[in-house]
Amino acid sequence: MLYNRAPTGADDMSSAPTEREYAREQDDTTFVMGVPGSGTPQRILIADDNPDTLSFMQAALEKAGYEVQTAPEGAQALALLAKRPADLLITDIFVPGHDGIETLRDCKARFPQTRIIVMSAGGGSGRQLDYLPAAALIGANATMRMPFNVDQLLDTVREVLQL
């Protein structure tokens, strides 16, 4: 099943708060999403070369109770998965080196238990290409169009982890 999250307005990543601002805006209550009955948070690995995107996503997901690890590109994400599997991989399509489509394909082959969300703003270096439909065909559990807001991120993550 494909969940395509599109931006809905001004409350998106382009105006996302920094990790510190986000933490200040939130209350001190943490809702822990864990593996049922285990008491441990679910693990999420994010692959993206944009430090602002990584910071925004990591802060939001950790605040929601997930254990988050990040990688600047796909090959490093796959190496981290080999060392310690994650429940979910979120990858951007346009990253240097091992791009998101290659990462999706290799993750499906090597780590079939890991669910995958592919995100994209539509292109890099001035390209207006949309690879999200291809990612869905290759096997992404969901896709998200960037920019997206915290609620869209958390809703998509929760839906994919419940599949």
C-alpha atoms as a PDB file:
ATOM      1  CA  MET A   1       0.000   0.000   0.000  1.00  0.00           C
ATOM      2  CA  LEU A   2       1.372   3.408  -0.954  1.00  0.00           C
ATOM      3  CA  TYR A   3       0.951   6.451   1.249  1.00  0.00           C
ATOM      4  CA  ASN A   4       1.883   9.572  -0.652  1.00  0.00           C
ATOM      5  CA  ARG A   5       2.183  12.547   1.666  1.00  0.00           C
ATOM      6  CA  ALA A   6       2.171  15.937  -0.013  1.00  0.00           C
ATOM      7  CA  PRO A   7       2.786  19.262   1.696  1.00  0.00           C
ATOM      8  CA  THR A   8      -0.310  21.046   2.909  1.00  0.00           C
ATOM      9  CA  GLY A   9       0.824  24.593   3.518  1.00  0.00           C
ATOM     10  CA  ALA A  10       3.067  26.879   5.487  1.00  0.00           C
ATOM     11  CA  ASP A  11       3.713  24.315   8.245  1.00  0.00           C
ATOM     12  CA  ASP A  12       6.303  22.390   6.238  1.00  0.00           C
ATOM     13  CA  MET A  13       9.997  21.526   6.350  1.00  0.00           C
ATOM     14  CA  SER A  14      11.043  24.736   4.619  1.00  0.00           C
ATOM     15  CA  SER A  15      10.099  26.611   7.760  1.00  0.00           C
ATOM     16  CA  ALA A  16      10.870  23.774  10.148  1.00  0.00           C
ATOM     17  CA  PRO A  17      12.157  24.683  13.581  1.00  0.00           C
ATOM     18  CA  THR A  18      15.636  23.719  14.613  1.00  0.00           C
ATOM     19  CA  GLU A  19      15.960  20.717  16.896  1.00  0.00           C
ATOM     20  CA  ARG A  20      16.330  22.992  19.923  1.00  0.00           C
ATOM     21  CA  GLU A  21      13.314  25.133  18.931  1.00  0.00           C
ATOM     22  CA  TYR A  22      11.236  22.028  18.287  1.00  0.00           C
ATOM     23  CA  ALA A  23      12.100  20.577  21.693  1.00  0.00           C
ATOM     24  CA  ARG A  24      11.178  23.879  23.374  1.00  0.00           C
ATOM     25  CA  GLU A  25       7.795  24.012  21.614  1.00  0.00           C
ATOM     26  CA  GLN A  26       6.832  20.531  22.737  1.00  0.00           C
ATOM     27  CA  ASP A  27       5.675  19.526  26.177  1.00  0.00           C
ATOM     28  CA  ASP A  28       7.718  17.159  28.311  1.00  0.00           C
ATOM     29  CA  THR A  29       5.468  14.179  27.655  1.00  0.00           C
ATOM     30  CA  THR A  30       7.067  11.596  25.393  1.00  0.00           C
ATOM     31  CA  PHE A  31       4.894   9.058  23.646  1.00  0.00           C
ATOM     32  CA  VAL A  32       6.998   5.958  23.144  1.00  0.00           C
ATOM     33  CA  MET A  33       6.245   3.890  20.080  1.00  0.00           C
ATOM     34  CA  GLY A  34       7.720   0.491  20.688  1.00  0.00           C
ATOM     35  CA  VAL A  35       7.612  -3.038  19.539  1.00  0.00           C
ATOM     36  CA  PRO A  36       4.436  -4.403  21.132  1.00  0.00           C
ATOM     37  CA  GLY A  37       5.194  -6.094  24.427  1.00  0.00           C
ATOM     38  CA  SER A  38       8.936  -5.446  24.262  1.00  0.00           C
ATOM     39  CA  GLY A  39       9.171  -2.065  25.950  1.00  0.00           C
ATOM     40  CA  THR A  40      11.846  -0.983  23.438  1.00  0.00           C
ATOM     41  CA  PRO A  41      11.475   1.832  20.912  1.00  0.00           C
ATOM     42  CA  GLN A  42      11.374   1.004  17.238  1.00  0.00           C
ATOM     43  CA  ARG A  43      14.557   1.811  15.310  1.00  0.00           C
ATOM     44  CA  ILE A  44      14.523   4.205  12.380  1.00  0.00           C
ATOM     45  CA  LEU A  45      17.435   4.952  10.065  1.00  0.00           C
ATOM     46  CA  ILE A  46      17.315   8.121   7.944  1.00  0.00           C
ATOM     47  CA  ALA A  47      19.516   8.568   4.856  1.00  0.00           C
ATOM     48  CA  ASP A  48      19.770  12.137   3.576  1.00  0.00           C
ATOM     49  CA  ASP A  49      22.633  14.460   2.707  1.00  0.00           C
ATOM     50  CA  ASN A  50      20.892  17.589   4.010  1.00  0.00           C
ATOM     51  CA  PRO A  51      21.856  18.213   7.666  1.00  0.00           C
ATOM     52  CA  ASP A  52      18.796  20.433   8.244  1.00  0.00           C
ATOM     53  CA  THR A  53      16.445  17.692   7.035  1.00  0.00           C
ATOM     54  CA  LEU A  54      18.225  15.095   9.171  1.00  0.00           C
ATOM     55  CA  SER A  55      18.041  17.332  12.242  1.00  0.00           C
ATOM     56  CA  PHE A  56      14.345  18.130  11.712  1.00  0.00           C
ATOM     57  CA  MET A  57      13.391  14.488  11.198  1.00  0.00           C
ATOM     58  CA  GLN A  58      15.586  13.130  13.986  1.00  0.00           C
ATOM     59  CA  ALA A  59      14.210  15.625  16.512  1.00  0.00           C
ATOM     60  CA  ALA A  60      10.585  14.899  15.573  1.00  0.00           C
ATOM     61  CA  LEU A  61      11.018  11.125  15.603  1.00  0.00           C
ATOM     62  CA  GLU A  62      13.003  11.020  18.837  1.00  0.00           C
ATOM     63  CA  LYS A  63      10.406  13.244  20.507  1.00  0.00           C
ATOM     64  CA  ALA A  64       7.797  10.671  19.422  1.00  0.00           C
ATOM     65  CA  GLY A  65       9.829   7.951  21.146  1.00  0.00           C
ATOM     66  CA  TYR A  66      11.670   6.319  18.258  1.00  0.00           C
ATOM     67  CA  GLU A  67      15.354   5.419  18.309  1.00  0.00           C
ATOM     68  CA  VAL A  68      16.897   7.265  15.351  1.00  0.00           C
ATOM     69  CA  GLN A  69      20.182   6.905  13.514  1.00  0.00           C
ATOM     70  CA  THR A  70      21.255   8.947  10.480  1.00  0.00           C
ATOM     71  CA  ALA A  71      23.499   8.513   7.456  1.00  0.00           C
ATOM     72  CA  PRO A  72      24.512  11.054   4.782  1.00  0.00           C
ATOM     73  CA  GLU A  73      24.005   8.621   1.875  1.00  0.00           C
ATOM     74  CA  GLY A  74      22.722   5.170   0.963  1.00  0.00           C
ATOM     75  CA  ALA A  75      25.878   3.041   1.134  1.00  0.00           C
ATOM     76  CA  GLN A  76      26.524   4.168   4.700  1.00  0.00           C
ATOM     77  CA  ALA A  77      22.871   3.492   5.587  1.00  0.00           C
ATOM     78  CA  LEU A  78      23.170  -0.069   4.266  1.00  0.00           C
ATOM     79  CA  ALA A  79      26.397  -0.578   6.232  1.00  0.00           C
ATOM     80  CA  LEU A  80      24.620   0.594   9.401  1.00  0.00           C
ATOM     81  CA  LEU A  81      21.712  -1.778   8.688  1.00  0.00           C
ATOM     82  CA  ALA A  82      24.175  -4.647   8.355  1.00  0.00           C
ATOM     83  CA  LYS A  83      25.597  -3.863  11.799  1.00  0.00           C
ATOM     84  CA  ARG A  84      22.241  -3.311  13.491  1.00  0.00           C
ATOM     85  CA  PRO A  85      18.937  -3.802  11.685  1.00  0.00           C
ATOM     86  CA  ALA A  86      16.282  -1.089  11.797  1.00  0.00           C
ATOM     87  CA  ASP A  87      12.510  -1.410  11.664  1.00  0.00           C
ATOM     88  CA  LEU A  88      12.298   1.430   9.142  1.00  0.00           C
ATOM     89  CA  LEU A  89      14.586   3.110   6.634  1.00  0.00           C
ATOM     90  CA  ILE A  90      13.655   6.583   5.401  1.00  0.00           C
ATOM     91  CA  THR A  91      15.741   7.660   2.417  1.00  0.00           C
ATOM     92  CA  ASP A  92      15.849  10.639   0.112  1.00  0.00           C
ATOM     93  CA  ILE A  93      16.083   9.784  -3.584  1.00  0.00           C
ATOM     94  CA  PHE A  94      18.694  12.385  -4.429  1.00  0.00           C
ATOM     95  CA  VAL A  95      21.746  11.760  -2.264  1.00  0.00           C
ATOM     96  CA  PRO A  96      25.386  11.554  -3.356  1.00  0.00           C
ATOM     97  CA  GLY A  97      26.931   8.200  -4.149  1.00  0.00           C
ATOM     98  CA  HIS A  98      24.469   5.361  -3.573  1.00  0.00           C
ATOM     99  CA  ASP A  99      21.196   7.135  -4.403  1.00  0.00           C
ATOM    100  CA  GLY A 100      17.786   6.447  -2.875  1.00  0.00           C
ATOM    101  CA  ILE A 101      16.568   4.129  -5.640  1.00  0.00           C
ATOM    102  CA  GLU A 102      19.724   1.992  -5.343  1.00  0.00           C
ATOM    103  CA  THR A 103      19.390   2.059  -1.559  1.00  0.00           C
ATOM    104  CA  LEU A 104      15.733   0.985  -1.790  1.00  0.00           C
ATOM    105  CA  ARG A 105      16.557  -1.880  -4.154  1.00  0.00           C
ATOM    106  CA  ASP A 106      19.521  -3.104  -2.096  1.00  0.00           C
ATOM    107  CA  CYS A 107      17.666  -2.788   1.213  1.00  0.00           C
ATOM    108  CA  LYS A 108      14.729  -4.836  -0.134  1.00  0.00           C
ATOM    109  CA  ALA A 109      17.168  -7.556  -1.229  1.00  0.00           C
ATOM    110  CA  ARG A 110      19.434  -7.617   1.825  1.00  0.00           C
ATOM    111  CA  PHE A 111      17.044  -6.599   4.629  1.00  0.00           C
ATOM    112  CA  PRO A 112      13.527  -7.667   3.578  1.00  0.00           C
ATOM    113  CA  GLN A 113      12.150  -7.172   7.110  1.00  0.00           C
ATOM    114  CA  THR A 114      13.005  -3.444   7.058  1.00  0.00           C
ATOM    115  CA  ARG A 115      10.173  -1.222   5.922  1.00  0.00           C
ATOM    116  CA  ILE A 116      11.074   1.691   3.670  1.00  0.00           C
ATOM    117  CA  ILE A 117       9.798   5.228   3.102  1.00  0.00           C
ATOM    118  CA  VAL A 118      11.245   7.133   0.146  1.00  0.00           C
ATOM    119  CA  MET A 119      11.096  10.923   0.125  1.00  0.00           C
ATOM    120  CA  SER A 120      11.868  13.467  -2.555  1.00  0.00           C
ATOM    121  CA  ALA A 121      11.416  17.115  -3.407  1.00  0.00           C
ATOM    122  CA  GLY A 122      11.199  16.089  -7.059  1.00  0.00           C
ATOM    123  CA  GLY A 123      14.659  16.641  -8.412  1.00  0.00           C
ATOM    124  CA  GLY A 124      18.156  17.845  -7.893  1.00  0.00           C
ATOM    125  CA  SER A 125      20.432  20.250  -9.780  1.00  0.00           C
ATOM    126  CA  GLY A 126      17.473  21.982 -11.406  1.00  0.00           C
ATOM    127  CA  ARG A 127      15.855  18.740 -12.605  1.00  0.00           C
ATOM    128  CA  GLN A 128      12.098  18.472 -12.350  1.00  0.00           C
ATOM    129  CA  LEU A 129      11.886  14.688 -12.163  1.00  0.00           C
ATOM    130  CA  ASP A 130       9.516  12.621 -10.061  1.00  0.00           C
ATOM    131  CA  TYR A 131      10.947   9.277  -9.020  1.00  0.00           C
ATOM    132  CA  LEU A 132       8.429   8.589  -6.251  1.00  0.00           C
ATOM    133  CA  PRO A 133       6.165   6.451  -8.497  1.00  0.00           C
ATOM    134  CA  ALA A 134       9.214   4.355  -9.465  1.00  0.00           C
ATOM    135  CA  ALA A 135      10.113   3.947  -5.789  1.00  0.00           C
ATOM    136  CA  ALA A 136       6.596   2.648  -5.105  1.00  0.00           C
ATOM    137  CA  LEU A 137       6.898   0.148  -7.966  1.00  0.00           C
ATOM    138  CA  ILE A 138      10.262  -1.072  -6.696  1.00  0.00           C
ATOM    139  CA  GLY A 139       8.777  -1.724  -3.277  1.00  0.00           C
ATOM    140  CA  ALA A 140       8.763   1.346  -1.053  1.00  0.00           C
ATOM    141  CA  ASN A 141       6.116   0.949   1.644  1.00  0.00           C
ATOM    142  CA  ALA A 142       5.340   4.671   1.351  1.00  0.00           C
ATOM    143  CA  THR A 143       6.538   7.832  -0.337  1.00  0.00           C
ATOM    144  CA  MET A 144       6.568  11.404   0.897  1.00  0.00           C
ATOM    145  CA  ARG A 145       6.907  14.551  -1.156  1.00  0.00           C
ATOM    146  CA  MET A 146       9.154  17.154   0.439  1.00  0.00           C
ATOM    147  CA  PRO A 147       8.661  19.505   2.114  1.00  0.00           C
ATOM    148  CA  PHE A 148       6.418  17.880   4.719  1.00  0.00           C
ATOM    149  CA  ASN A 149       5.506  18.823   8.272  1.00  0.00           C
ATOM    150  CA  VAL A 150       5.956  16.946  11.563  1.00  0.00           C
ATOM    151  CA  ASP A 151       2.412  15.551  11.552  1.00  0.00           C
ATOM    152  CA  GLN A 152       2.777  14.205   8.018  1.00  0.00           C
ATOM    153  CA  LEU A 153       6.084  12.580   8.939  1.00  0.00           C
ATOM    154  CA  LEU A 154       4.761  10.963  12.112  1.00  0.00           C
ATOM    155  CA  ASP A 155       1.504   9.811  10.490  1.00  0.00           C
ATOM    156  CA  THR A 156       3.379   8.154   7.629  1.00  0.00           C
ATOM    157  CA  VAL A 157       5.900   6.494   9.954  1.00  0.00           C
ATOM    158  CA  ARG A 158       3.155   5.128  12.201  1.00  0.00           C
ATOM    159  CA  GLU A 159       1.173   3.782   9.238  1.00  0.00           C
ATOM    160  CA  VAL A 160       4.199   2.074   7.691  1.00  0.00           C
ATOM    161  CA  LEU A 161       5.320   0.516  10.973  1.00  0.00           C
ATOM    162  CA  GLN A 162       1.819  -0.914  11.491  1.00  0.00           C
ATOM    163  CA  LEU A 163       1.802  -2.706   8.103  1.00  0.00           C
END
